[in-house]
Amino acid sequence: MKPNIDALKKDFREGRHAQAIAQAEALSSQNPSNVEVKRLCATMHAMVRNYARALELLLQLRDPSKENPDILFNIAMCQKELKNFEGAQEYFKVFTEKFGGSADGWAGLAECSLQLGQFSQATQAADRAIAIDPSLLTAWTVRGDSFNQLGKVQEAVADYQAALALAPGDAETLQKATVCLLDS
């Protein structure tokens, strides 16, 4: 089975996505208990932005009695990409409760909270992400957006400036910072 998996990965890397996914799906249906094939299939689907199928496969892999951080995180990310922010938020909460040292997990939770209009929660989650990894651009912009929504314009501008220090060419963040400065 291992050579088949290596061949699938090679096909996928070389741009034969549909072929590799079809073969991975066939292998998965032949041996539904093969976690490695199912995980590979989910990863391939996510990489071609077929988040619904990736999520379906990841949910089949999830075992709540022994949570796998990668599976939890990827379920949350698929939910977020599918714009199911409530579902994603729940998975990011479980992920950060169990694996609290992940800046990306806290940033994901912050993004979902922001999208759900939970600005204080978004700020708190972004705070945690920044404390763990101050170079995480998303955390700075999400916290800036949350501060802006809370009417804390100076804090928002400061966060946008921190984000711009990390990514000077980020036009979206530059626009947000400019709008905040003009509105203050």
Protein backbone atom coordinates (compact mmCIF):
# COMPACT_ATOMS: atom_id res chain seq x y z
CA MET A 1 0.00 0.00 0.00
CA LYS A 2 2.84 2.41 0.78
CA PRO A 3 4.12 2.66 -2.84
CA ASN A 4 0.59 3.54 -3.96
CA ILE A 5 0.47 6.39 -1.47
CA ASP A 6 3.85 7.69 -2.58
CA ALA A 7 2.70 7.53 -6.21
CA LEU A 8 -0.49 9.42 -5.33
CA LYS A 9 1.50 12.14 -3.60
CA LYS A 10 3.83 12.39 -6.60
CA ASP A 11 0.91 12.63 -9.04
CA PHE A 12 -0.68 15.34 -6.92
CA ARG A 13 2.55 17.33 -6.58
CA GLU A 14 3.03 17.14 -10.33
CA GLY A 15 -0.39 18.69 -10.94
CA ARG A 16 -2.43 15.59 -11.71
CA HIS A 17 -4.87 16.50 -8.97
CA ALA A 18 -8.05 14.89 -10.30
CA GLN A 19 -6.27 11.63 -11.07
CA ALA A 20 -4.56 11.48 -7.67
CA ILE A 21 -7.77 12.30 -5.81
CA ALA A 22 -9.76 9.71 -7.75
CA GLN A 23 -7.16 7.06 -6.96
CA ALA A 24 -7.03 8.09 -3.30
CA GLU A 25 -10.82 7.90 -3.09
CA ALA A 26 -10.73 4.43 -4.66
CA LEU A 27 -8.05 3.26 -2.20
CA SER A 28 -10.04 4.73 0.67
CA SER A 29 -13.24 2.96 -0.36
CA GLN A 30 -11.35 -0.34 -0.75
CA ASN A 31 -9.98 -0.02 2.76
CA PRO A 32 -12.11 2.44 4.77
CA SER A 33 -10.13 1.86 7.97
CA ASN A 34 -6.85 3.05 6.40
CA VAL A 35 -6.32 6.33 8.23
CA GLU A 36 -3.28 7.32 6.18
CA VAL A 37 -5.16 7.12 2.88
CA LYS A 38 -8.21 8.91 4.27
CA ARG A 39 -6.03 11.70 5.70
CA LEU A 40 -4.17 12.04 2.39
CA CYS A 41 -7.47 12.18 0.53
CA ALA A 42 -8.75 14.90 2.89
CA THR A 43 -5.55 16.89 2.44
CA MET A 44 -5.76 16.68 -1.34
CA HIS A 45 -9.37 17.82 -1.33
CA ALA A 46 -8.53 20.76 0.93
CA MET A 47 -5.62 21.77 -1.28
CA VAL A 48 -7.91 22.03 -4.31
CA ARG A 49 -10.44 23.93 -2.18
CA ASN A 50 -12.97 21.12 -2.02
CA TYR A 51 -13.49 21.83 1.65
CA ALA A 52 -16.83 20.05 1.94
CA ARG A 53 -15.33 16.68 0.97
CA ALA A 54 -12.21 17.31 3.06
CA LEU A 55 -14.42 18.06 6.05
CA GLU A 56 -16.47 14.91 5.50
CA LEU A 57 -13.31 12.78 5.51
CA LEU A 58 -11.81 14.56 8.51
CA LEU A 59 -14.99 14.04 10.53
CA GLN A 60 -14.73 10.32 9.78
CA LEU A 61 -11.19 10.37 11.19
CA ARG A 62 -12.03 12.23 14.39
CA ASP A 63 -11.94 10.21 17.57
CA PRO A 64 -13.01 12.41 20.52
CA SER A 65 -11.48 9.95 23.01
CA LYS A 66 -7.99 10.69 21.69
CA GLU A 67 -8.04 14.01 19.91
CA ASN A 68 -5.51 14.46 17.16
CA PRO A 69 -4.43 18.11 16.94
CA ASP A 70 -4.04 18.07 13.16
CA ILE A 71 -7.48 16.63 12.59
CA LEU A 72 -9.16 19.07 14.99
CA PHE A 73 -7.37 22.04 13.48
CA ASN A 74 -8.13 20.98 9.91
CA ILE A 75 -11.81 20.39 10.71
CA ALA A 76 -11.94 23.93 12.09
CA MET A 77 -10.16 25.33 9.03
CA CYS A 78 -12.51 23.56 6.61
CA GLN A 79 -15.50 24.85 8.56
CA LYS A 80 -14.04 28.38 8.38
CA GLU A 81 -13.40 28.11 4.63
CA LEU A 82 -16.99 26.94 4.18
CA LYS A 83 -18.08 30.08 6.07
CA ASN A 84 -19.55 27.99 8.89
CA PHE A 85 -18.04 30.28 11.49
CA GLU A 86 -20.07 28.88 14.39
CA GLY A 87 -18.94 25.33 13.63
CA ALA A 88 -15.36 26.46 13.10
CA GLN A 89 -15.42 28.46 16.32
CA GLU A 90 -16.51 25.38 18.28
CA TYR A 91 -13.68 23.28 16.84
CA PHE A 92 -11.13 26.05 17.42
CA LYS A 93 -12.35 26.26 21.04
CA VAL A 94 -11.84 22.52 21.54
CA PHE A 95 -8.47 22.75 19.79
CA THR A 96 -7.22 25.68 21.89
CA GLU A 97 -8.50 24.08 25.13
CA LYS A 98 -6.46 20.96 24.40
CA PHE A 99 -3.52 22.49 22.52
CA GLY A 100 -3.32 26.05 23.83
CA GLY A 101 0.20 26.71 22.58
CA SER A 102 -0.88 27.09 18.96
CA ALA A 103 -0.91 30.69 17.76
CA ASP A 104 -2.71 29.57 14.60
CA GLY A 105 -5.46 27.97 16.69
CA TRP A 106 -6.01 31.16 18.67
CA ALA A 107 -5.90 33.24 15.47
CA GLY A 108 -8.51 30.97 13.89
CA LEU A 109 -10.72 31.34 16.95
CA ALA A 110 -10.24 35.12 16.77
CA GLU A 111 -11.21 35.20 13.08
CA CYS A 112 -14.39 33.22 13.69
CA SER A 113 -15.34 35.33 16.69
CA LEU A 114 -14.84 38.47 14.60
CA GLN A 115 -17.04 37.07 11.81
CA LEU A 116 -19.74 36.27 14.39
CA GLY A 117 -19.64 39.82 15.78
CA GLN A 118 -18.09 38.70 19.08
CA PHE A 119 -15.50 41.45 19.11
CA SER A 120 -14.34 41.18 22.73
CA GLN A 121 -13.83 37.43 22.34
CA ALA A 122 -12.02 38.02 19.06
CA THR A 123 -9.71 40.50 20.78
CA GLN A 124 -8.96 38.07 23.61
CA ALA A 125 -8.20 35.20 21.24
CA ALA A 126 -6.00 37.46 19.10
CA ASP A 127 -4.19 38.56 22.27
CA ARG A 128 -3.35 34.91 22.98
CA ALA A 129 -2.16 34.34 19.40
CA ILE A 130 0.07 37.43 19.50
CA ALA A 131 1.51 36.45 22.88
CA ILE A 132 2.52 33.08 21.42
CA ASP A 133 3.70 34.35 18.02
CA PRO A 134 4.08 38.10 17.56
CA SER A 135 4.89 37.58 13.87
CA LEU A 136 1.43 36.20 13.05
CA LEU A 137 -0.03 38.79 10.68
CA THR A 138 -3.59 37.46 10.89
CA ALA A 139 -3.72 37.92 14.65
CA TRP A 140 -2.73 41.59 14.39
CA THR A 141 -5.25 42.37 11.65
CA VAL A 142 -8.09 40.50 13.36
CA ARG A 143 -7.38 42.25 16.64
CA GLY A 144 -7.22 45.58 14.79
CA ASP A 145 -10.58 44.84 13.14
CA SER A 146 -12.06 43.89 16.52
CA PHE A 147 -10.75 47.03 18.20
CA ASN A 148 -12.14 49.07 15.33
CA GLN A 149 -15.58 47.49 15.76
CA LEU A 150 -15.40 48.21 19.49
CA GLY A 151 -14.66 51.88 18.75
CA LYS A 152 -11.08 51.63 20.01
CA VAL A 153 -9.61 53.39 17.00
CA GLN A 154 -6.16 54.13 18.45
CA GLU A 155 -5.67 50.47 19.39
CA ALA A 156 -6.89 49.42 15.94
CA VAL A 157 -4.43 51.76 14.21
CA ALA A 158 -1.59 50.46 16.39
CA ASP A 159 -2.42 46.87 15.44
CA TYR A 160 -2.69 47.70 11.76
CA GLN A 161 0.70 49.41 11.98
CA ALA A 162 2.16 46.31 13.64
CA ALA A 163 0.66 44.21 10.84
CA LEU A 164 2.13 46.55 8.23
CA ALA A 165 5.55 46.22 9.86
CA LEU A 166 5.24 42.46 9.23
CA ALA A 167 3.83 42.83 5.70
CA PRO A 168 4.55 46.31 4.37
CA GLY A 169 2.86 45.69 1.02
CA ASP A 170 -0.46 44.47 2.43
CA ALA A 171 -2.88 46.83 0.67
CA GLU A 172 -5.94 45.70 2.66
CA THR A 173 -4.30 46.44 6.01
CA LEU A 174 -2.95 49.76 4.73
CA GLN A 175 -6.46 50.74 3.67
CA LYS A 176 -7.88 49.76 7.08
CA ALA A 177 -5.22 51.79 8.88
CA THR A 178 -5.83 54.80 6.63
CA VAL A 179 -9.59 54.66 7.10
CA CYS A 180 -9.15 54.44 10.89
CA LEU A 181 -6.82 57.43 10.90
CA LEU A 182 -9.18 59.47 8.74
CA ASP A 183 -12.19 58.56 10.88
CA SER A 184 -10.47 59.42 14.18
